[in-house]
C-alpha atoms as a PDB file:
ATOM      1  CA  MET A   1      25.779  12.973  -5.462  1.00  0.00           C
ATOM      2  CA  THR A   2      26.006  16.213  -3.548  1.00  0.00           C
ATOM      3  CA  ARG A   3      23.064  18.273  -2.353  1.00  0.00           C
ATOM      4  CA  ARG A   4      23.566  20.726  -5.216  1.00  0.00           C
ATOM      5  CA  GLU A   5      23.689  17.928  -7.779  1.00  0.00           C
ATOM      6  CA  PHE A   6      20.558  16.421  -6.247  1.00  0.00           C
ATOM      7  CA  LEU A   7      18.672  19.713  -6.453  1.00  0.00           C
ATOM      8  CA  THR A   8      19.635  20.089 -10.110  1.00  0.00           C
ATOM      9  CA  SER A   9      18.795  16.478 -11.018  1.00  0.00           C
ATOM     10  CA  SER A  10      15.503  16.340  -9.166  1.00  0.00           C
ATOM     11  CA  GLY A  11      14.205  19.823  -9.928  1.00  0.00           C
ATOM     12  CA  VAL A  12      13.363  20.288  -6.244  1.00  0.00           C
ATOM     13  CA  GLU A  13      13.907  23.629  -4.525  1.00  0.00           C
ATOM     14  CA  ALA A  14      16.178  23.815  -1.463  1.00  0.00           C
ATOM     15  CA  GLN A  15      13.369  24.796   0.906  1.00  0.00           C
ATOM     16  CA  THR A  16      11.226  21.912  -0.334  1.00  0.00           C
ATOM     17  CA  LEU A  17      14.135  19.512   0.136  1.00  0.00           C
ATOM     18  CA  GLU A  18      14.532  20.668   3.746  1.00  0.00           C
ATOM     19  CA  PHE A  19      10.869  19.930   4.430  1.00  0.00           C
ATOM     20  CA  TRP A  20      11.082  16.513   2.795  1.00  0.00           C
ATOM     21  CA  LEU A  21      14.155  15.677   4.862  1.00  0.00           C
ATOM     22  CA  GLU A  22      12.340  16.736   8.043  1.00  0.00           C
ATOM     23  CA  GLN A  23       9.408  14.509   7.080  1.00  0.00           C
ATOM     24  CA  GLU A  24      11.886  11.687   6.326  1.00  0.00           C
ATOM     25  CA  TRP A  25      10.414  11.270   2.869  1.00  0.00           C
ATOM     26  CA  LEU A  26      14.025  11.258   1.713  1.00  0.00           C
ATOM     27  CA  ILE A  27      16.775   9.730   3.835  1.00  0.00           C
ATOM     28  CA  PRO A  28      20.089  10.272   2.067  1.00  0.00           C
ATOM     29  CA  GLU A  29      23.268   8.563   3.169  1.00  0.00           C
ATOM     30  CA  ARG A  30      25.223  10.628   5.679  1.00  0.00           C
ATOM     31  CA  ASN A  31      28.982  10.623   6.029  1.00  0.00           C
ATOM     32  CA  ALA A  32      31.719  12.915   7.314  1.00  0.00           C
ATOM     33  CA  GLY A  33      31.323  15.099   4.227  1.00  0.00           C
ATOM     34  CA  GLY A  34      27.593  15.562   4.755  1.00  0.00           C
ATOM     35  CA  MET A  35      24.639  14.120   2.879  1.00  0.00           C
ATOM     36  CA  ARG A  36      25.096  11.990  -0.219  1.00  0.00           C
ATOM     37  CA  PHE A  37      22.112  11.468  -2.491  1.00  0.00           C
ATOM     38  CA  SER A  38      21.596   8.545  -4.841  1.00  0.00           C
ATOM     39  CA  GLU A  39      19.670   8.050  -8.057  1.00  0.00           C
ATOM     40  CA  HIS A  40      17.084   6.312  -5.873  1.00  0.00           C
ATOM     41  CA  ASP A  41      16.653   9.581  -3.937  1.00  0.00           C
ATOM     42  CA  VAL A  42      16.192  11.483  -7.205  1.00  0.00           C
ATOM     43  CA  ALA A  43      13.534   9.007  -8.376  1.00  0.00           C
ATOM     44  CA  ARG A  44      11.750   9.234  -5.027  1.00  0.00           C
ATOM     45  CA  ALA A  45      11.825  13.041  -5.165  1.00  0.00           C
ATOM     46  CA  ARG A  46      10.329  12.984  -8.648  1.00  0.00           C
ATOM     47  CA  LEU A  47       7.617  10.611  -7.421  1.00  0.00           C
ATOM     48  CA  ILE A  48       6.778  12.949  -4.529  1.00  0.00           C
ATOM     49  CA  ARG A  49       6.732  15.948  -6.850  1.00  0.00           C
ATOM     50  CA  ASP A  50       4.443  14.150  -9.305  1.00  0.00           C
ATOM     51  CA  LEU A  51       2.100  12.921  -6.588  1.00  0.00           C
ATOM     52  CA  LYS A  52       1.707  16.449  -5.272  1.00  0.00           C
ATOM     53  CA  ALA A  53       1.564  18.318  -8.582  1.00  0.00           C
ATOM     54  CA  ASP A  54      -0.227  15.886 -10.878  1.00  0.00           C
ATOM     55  CA  LEU A  55      -2.498  14.092  -8.419  1.00  0.00           C
ATOM     56  CA  GLY A  56      -2.930  16.808  -5.803  1.00  0.00           C
ATOM     57  CA  ILE A  57      -2.013  14.525  -2.915  1.00  0.00           C
ATOM     58  CA  ASN A  58      -1.489  16.405   0.350  1.00  0.00           C
ATOM     59  CA  ASP A  59       1.348  15.867   2.834  1.00  0.00           C
ATOM     60  CA  GLU A  60      -0.559  13.307   4.898  1.00  0.00           C
ATOM     61  CA  GLY A  61      -1.354  11.388   1.726  1.00  0.00           C
ATOM     62  CA  ILE A  62       2.298  11.473   0.682  1.00  0.00           C
ATOM     63  CA  ASP A  63       3.198   9.803   3.997  1.00  0.00           C
ATOM     64  CA  VAL A  64       0.720   7.003   3.275  1.00  0.00           C
ATOM     65  CA  VAL A  65       1.752   6.535  -0.360  1.00  0.00           C
ATOM     66  CA  LEU A  66       5.479   6.432   0.456  1.00  0.00           C
ATOM     67  CA  HIS A  67       4.880   3.945   3.258  1.00  0.00           C
ATOM     68  CA  LEU A  68       2.945   1.697   0.876  1.00  0.00           C
ATOM     69  CA  VAL A  69       5.613   2.024  -1.831  1.00  0.00           C
ATOM     70  CA  ASP A  70       8.301   1.089   0.704  1.00  0.00           C
ATOM     71  CA  GLN A  71       6.282  -1.939   1.801  1.00  0.00           C
ATOM     72  CA  LEU A  72       5.811  -3.015  -1.810  1.00  0.00           C
ATOM     73  CA  HIS A  73       9.541  -2.784  -2.481  1.00  0.00           C
ATOM     74  CA  GLY A  74      10.217  -4.813   0.666  1.00  0.00           C
ATOM     75  CA  VAL A  75       7.835  -7.544  -0.472  1.00  0.00           C
ATOM     76  CA  ARG A  76       9.439  -7.592  -3.918  1.00  0.00           C
ATOM     77  CA  ARG A  77      12.905  -7.989  -2.374  1.00  0.00           C
ATOM     78  CA  ALA A  78      11.646 -10.807  -0.143  1.00  0.00           C
ATOM     79  CA  LEU A  79      10.040 -12.598  -3.104  1.00  0.00           C
ATOM     80  CA  ALA A  80      13.199 -12.255  -5.187  1.00  0.00           C
ATOM     81  CA  GLN A  81      15.239 -13.688  -2.343  1.00  0.00           C
ATOM     82  CA  LEU A  82      12.785 -16.556  -1.897  1.00  0.00           C
ATOM     83  CA  ARG A  83      12.892 -17.349  -5.630  1.00  0.00           C
ATOM     84  CA  ALA A  84      16.684 -17.373  -5.560  1.00  0.00           C
ATOM     85  CA  GLU A  85      16.712 -19.713  -2.576  1.00  0.00           C
ATOM     86  CA  LEU A  86      14.207 -22.045  -4.224  1.00  0.00           C
ATOM     87  CA  ARG A  87      16.319 -22.237  -7.366  1.00  0.00           C
ATOM     88  CA  ARG A  88      19.359 -23.241  -5.319  1.00  0.00           C
ATOM     89  CA  GLU A  89      17.618 -26.124  -3.540  1.00  0.00           C
ATOM     90  CA  PRO A  90      17.937 -29.531  -5.202  1.00  0.00           C
ATOM     91  CA  THR A  91      14.759 -31.100  -6.535  1.00  0.00           C
END
C-alpha cells in the first residue's frame, strides 16, 4: 500500500510516521516507486500507537518491546520450521 493508504489505515500522522521510520520501528519495502507498506506494517504501527497511548511506554521502551517482539516472531518461525522438518523425517 502507498504511504497515504498506510496513514489512513494505521491512523498515524505523517510527522509521527517520519519519526518511526527514522527509528526503524517500521521498515517498509522500498522500490523504484518509493515505499510500499504492508498489512504487517499497519499492525506494527497500531501496536506502537497502543503501547505509547494505552501503556505510556516511552521511546526507549518501544525500542526494547519491538526488539523482543521481533525475537519472539523469529523463534516462532524457527519452531514452525523445525516442526515441519520433523514431520517430514521417517520414523
